[in-house]
Protein backbone atom coordinates (compact mmCIF):
# COMPACT_ATOMS: atom_id res chain seq x y z
CA MET A 1 8.67 -40.76 70.04
CA THR A 2 6.47 -37.52 71.66
CA GLY A 3 3.02 -37.25 69.73
CA CYS A 4 1.08 -34.26 69.33
CA ARG A 5 -0.64 -34.31 72.77
CA PRO A 6 2.56 -34.25 74.95
CA ALA A 7 4.42 -31.23 72.85
CA SER A 8 1.53 -29.19 73.14
CA LYS A 9 1.73 -29.39 77.20
CA ILE A 10 5.40 -28.59 77.22
CA THR A 11 5.19 -25.56 75.20
CA SER A 12 1.58 -24.53 77.15
CA LYS A 13 3.86 -23.59 80.10
CA ASP A 14 5.13 -20.01 79.07
CA THR A 15 2.14 -18.70 76.28
CA SER A 16 3.10 -14.79 76.68
CA THR A 17 5.30 -14.91 73.94
CA GLU A 18 3.11 -17.24 71.79
CA THR A 19 -0.10 -15.26 72.34
CA HIS A 20 1.60 -11.89 71.40
CA SER A 21 2.70 -13.30 68.36
CA LYS A 22 -0.28 -14.67 67.31
CA LYS A 23 -1.83 -11.76 67.85
CA ALA A 24 0.68 -9.45 66.31
CA ALA A 25 0.46 -12.14 63.33
CA ARG A 26 -3.19 -11.54 63.05
CA LYS A 27 -2.38 -7.64 63.34
CA ASP A 28 -0.22 -7.50 60.35
CA VAL A 29 -2.46 -9.69 57.75
CA LYS A 30 -4.15 -7.62 55.59
CA PHE A 31 -6.56 -8.94 52.57
CA ILE A 32 -6.97 -6.35 49.48
CA ASP A 33 -9.96 -6.64 47.62
CA GLY A 34 -10.49 -6.62 44.00
CA ILE A 35 -6.83 -8.47 43.38
CA GLU A 36 -6.89 -10.63 40.28
CA VAL A 37 -4.15 -13.29 40.15
CA THR A 38 -3.01 -14.85 36.97
CA PRO A 39 -0.97 -18.03 37.18
CA GLY A 40 2.70 -16.34 36.26
CA ASN A 41 1.95 -12.81 36.63
CA ALA A 42 3.30 -10.95 39.25
CA VAL A 43 0.76 -8.79 41.24
CA THR A 44 1.71 -5.16 41.77
CA SER A 45 -1.25 -3.67 41.91
CA LYS A 46 -5.30 -4.19 42.60
CA HIS A 47 -5.69 -3.33 38.86
CA LYS A 48 -6.04 -6.42 36.53
CA THR A 49 -2.81 -7.70 35.26
CA ALA A 50 -1.39 -7.52 31.65
CA THR A 51 -2.35 -10.44 29.68
CA GLY A 52 -0.88 -11.68 26.19
CA LYS A 53 -2.96 -10.26 24.17
CA HIS A 54 -2.10 -6.52 25.34
CA GLN A 55 1.70 -7.46 24.48
CA THR A 56 0.61 -8.78 20.87
CA GLY A 57 -1.26 -5.53 20.17
CA ILE A 58 1.67 -3.85 21.03
CA ASP A 59 3.81 -6.00 18.46
CA SER A 60 1.35 -5.98 15.88
CA ALA A 61 1.03 -1.95 16.46
CA ASN A 62 4.82 -1.68 15.37
CA HIS A 63 4.67 -4.20 12.69
CA THR A 64 1.57 -2.23 11.03
CA ASN A 65 4.22 0.97 11.66
CA THR A 66 7.24 -0.55 9.84
CA ASP A 67 4.94 -1.61 7.25
CA ALA A 68 3.60 1.82 6.64
CA GLN A 69 6.98 3.16 6.71
CA ALA A 70 8.08 0.23 4.04
CA ASN A 71 5.24 1.77 1.96
CA ILE A 72 5.85 5.28 2.22
CA GLU A 73 9.76 4.70 1.37
CA LYS A 74 8.38 2.37 -1.47
CA ALA A 75 6.42 5.24 -3.14
CA ASP A 76 9.07 7.61 -2.21
CA TRP A 77 11.29 5.61 -4.54
CA LEU A 78 8.81 5.04 -6.78
CA GLN A 79 8.25 8.75 -7.68
CA LEU A 80 12.06 9.79 -7.65
CA LYS A 81 12.43 6.94 -10.40
CA TYR A 82 9.85 8.01 -12.49
CA ALA A 83 11.17 11.44 -12.40
CA VAL A 84 14.32 11.04 -13.31
CA MET A 85 12.92 8.93 -16.20
CA MET A 86 10.43 11.74 -17.09
CA ASP A 87 12.69 14.44 -16.53
CA ALA A 88 10.32 16.08 -14.56
CA SER A 89 10.06 17.25 -10.72
CA VAL A 90 9.19 14.94 -8.44
CA GLU A 91 5.96 16.85 -7.15
CA LYS A 92 4.81 16.23 -10.73
CA VAL A 93 4.55 12.79 -10.17
CA SER A 94 2.38 12.34 -7.09
CA ASN A 95 -0.05 9.87 -8.40
CA VAL A 96 1.63 6.99 -6.54
CA SER A 97 -1.93 4.71 -7.96
CA LEU A 98 -0.79 5.20 -11.42
CA LEU A 99 3.27 4.66 -10.43
CA GLN A 100 2.41 1.38 -9.26
CA LYS A 101 0.71 0.19 -12.22
CA LEU A 102 2.96 1.73 -14.38
CA GLU A 103 5.89 -0.20 -12.35
CA GLU A 104 3.17 -3.49 -12.51
CA TRP A 105 2.69 -3.69 -16.42
CA TRP A 106 6.59 -2.25 -17.02
CA GLY A 107 7.99 -4.34 -19.93
CA THR A 108 5.12 -6.42 -20.58
CA ARG A 109 5.62 -6.94 -24.20
CA TYR A 110 3.20 -5.88 -27.07
CA CYS A 111 1.24 -8.75 -29.10
CA MET A 112 -1.55 -7.35 -31.15
CA GLY A 113 -5.19 -8.30 -29.12
CA GLY A 114 -3.41 -9.37 -25.78
CA ASN A 115 -4.55 -8.15 -22.90
CA THR A 116 -2.18 -10.27 -20.24
CA LYS A 117 0.89 -9.84 -18.14
CA ASN A 118 2.41 -12.02 -21.36
CA CYS A 119 1.43 -9.71 -23.82
CA ILE A 120 -0.79 -6.57 -24.33
CA ASP A 121 -1.75 -4.04 -27.14
CA CYS A 122 -1.58 -0.43 -26.84
CA SER A 123 -5.72 -0.20 -26.22
CA ALA A 124 -6.08 -2.92 -23.56
CA PHE A 125 -3.15 -1.08 -22.00
CA THR A 126 -5.07 2.38 -21.86
CA MET A 127 -8.10 0.45 -20.83
CA ASN A 128 -6.31 -1.49 -17.98
CA ILE A 129 -4.74 2.12 -16.59
CA LEU A 130 -7.89 4.01 -16.77
CA GLY A 131 -9.97 1.13 -15.26
CA GLU A 132 -7.62 0.29 -12.41
CA VAL A 133 -6.17 4.06 -11.44
CA TYR A 134 -9.19 6.20 -12.95
CA HIS A 135 -11.88 4.14 -12.78
CA VAL A 136 -12.99 4.84 -16.28
CA LYS A 137 -14.47 1.76 -18.83
CA LEU A 138 -13.12 2.52 -22.43
CA PRO A 139 -14.29 0.51 -25.07
CA ARG A 140 -11.48 -2.10 -26.77
CA THR A 141 -9.94 -0.29 -29.58
CA ALA A 142 -7.97 2.58 -30.26
CA GLN A 143 -10.41 4.34 -32.54
CA GLU A 144 -12.97 3.55 -30.54
CA GLN A 145 -11.34 5.45 -27.32
CA TYR A 146 -10.52 8.27 -29.85
CA ASN A 147 -14.41 8.64 -30.94
CA MET A 148 -15.71 8.59 -27.53
CA SER A 149 -12.93 11.05 -25.82
CA ASP A 150 -13.59 14.80 -25.79
CA LYS A 151 -11.03 16.30 -28.06
CA ILE A 152 -8.27 19.12 -26.67
CA ALA A 153 -5.63 20.54 -27.39
CA THR A 154 -1.76 19.86 -26.98
CA GLU A 155 -1.17 22.38 -24.77
CA GLU A 156 -4.26 21.34 -22.08
CA LEU A 157 -3.12 17.44 -21.82
CA LYS A 158 -3.33 16.85 -17.90
CA GLU A 159 -2.36 13.01 -16.43
CA GLY A 160 -4.64 10.60 -17.42
CA ASP A 161 -5.58 11.91 -20.90
CA LEU A 162 -5.35 9.77 -23.82
CA VAL A 163 -2.73 10.81 -26.76
CA PHE A 164 -3.73 9.39 -30.44
CA PHE A 165 -1.68 8.35 -33.36
CA HIS A 166 -2.04 7.29 -36.87
CA THR A 167 0.75 4.50 -37.60
CA ASN A 168 -0.14 2.78 -40.67
CA GLY A 169 1.26 5.53 -43.13
CA LYS A 170 0.83 9.43 -43.40
CA LYS A 171 -2.42 9.13 -45.32
CA SER A 172 -4.16 6.92 -42.90
CA LYS A 173 -6.84 8.46 -40.72
CA VAL A 174 -7.75 5.01 -38.91
CA ILE A 175 -6.48 5.87 -35.08
CA SER A 176 -4.14 2.89 -34.41
CA HIS A 177 -2.26 3.71 -31.59
CA VAL A 178 -3.26 5.13 -28.30
CA GLY A 179 -1.25 6.24 -24.72
CA VAL A 180 -1.80 7.50 -21.60
CA TYR A 181 -0.24 11.02 -20.75
CA ILE A 182 1.47 11.54 -17.38
CA THR A 183 3.47 14.95 -17.84
CA ASN A 184 6.55 17.07 -19.22
CA ASN A 185 5.54 15.35 -23.15
CA ARG A 186 5.56 11.79 -21.79
CA PHE A 187 3.06 9.15 -22.28
CA ALA A 188 2.81 5.48 -21.03
CA ASN A 189 2.41 3.22 -24.05
CA ALA A 190 2.31 -0.62 -24.95
CA SER A 191 5.26 0.04 -27.71
CA THR A 192 5.60 -2.75 -30.56
CA THR A 193 9.45 -2.36 -30.22
CA GLY A 194 10.00 -2.11 -26.23
CA GLY A 195 6.62 -3.39 -25.23
CA VAL A 196 5.11 -1.23 -22.29
CA THR A 197 7.45 1.78 -21.75
CA ILE A 198 7.49 5.63 -21.22
CA SER A 199 7.79 7.29 -24.98
CA ASP A 200 8.02 11.32 -25.74
CA LEU A 201 5.61 12.91 -27.75
CA ASN A 202 9.09 15.11 -29.17
CA ASP A 203 10.24 11.96 -30.26
CA PRO A 204 10.21 12.68 -34.02
CA TYR A 205 8.99 9.07 -34.39
CA TRP A 206 5.86 9.61 -32.46
CA LYS A 207 5.95 13.62 -33.18
CA ASN A 208 5.20 12.92 -37.22
CA ARG A 209 2.55 10.13 -36.47
CA TYR A 210 0.37 12.03 -33.68
CA THR A 211 -3.19 12.54 -34.31
CA GLY A 212 -4.37 14.77 -31.05
CA ALA A 213 -5.54 14.29 -27.45
CA GLY A 214 -8.88 13.41 -25.79
CA ARG A 215 -10.32 13.45 -22.25
CA VAL A 216 -11.69 11.12 -20.77
CA ILE A 217 -11.87 11.51 -17.00
CA LYS A 218 -14.57 13.92 -16.01
């Protein structure tokens, strides 16, 4: 078995090819400054290689776009639902925040003095809606809400105005019921029979008990 020294002597007899090969090898080798190699990533240029963070950012952006699209579709669905319910054009029910709150409270049963999703009364409902949607603070009772509002004609009613009723008999002057006007003679209210719902001012029951309208949104 030959060692390293004898082997080097044998190969050193003809050095022309070896010398040429070594020179050629040294000539072909090029070192490019600025290359960063991250284990597991292929280097295709002298720029920094992409990391997992960039990919995560793309995924997050796609997820955000998907969520935004879902929210738009939900808003469109709510507008269509309530437009049909109130026999109004979609353009007249464009306040998505209001629709979302109505949807959130919809069907909550009525109970005197209630102010939760378990049960609620009419003035607590209007207090919640105007507070959460329009950032207007109302007093607790229907009579107090009537007293603080600026009285307006029925023809002047706009979204967010209040409509008042006396439900304790024709001779009673006490305001005992209140709702939030939306559009097309419809108003949202917590009724004793149907809970939180939408009613029509032209319905005989409400028409006979209607006292007037008030505005608290400046």
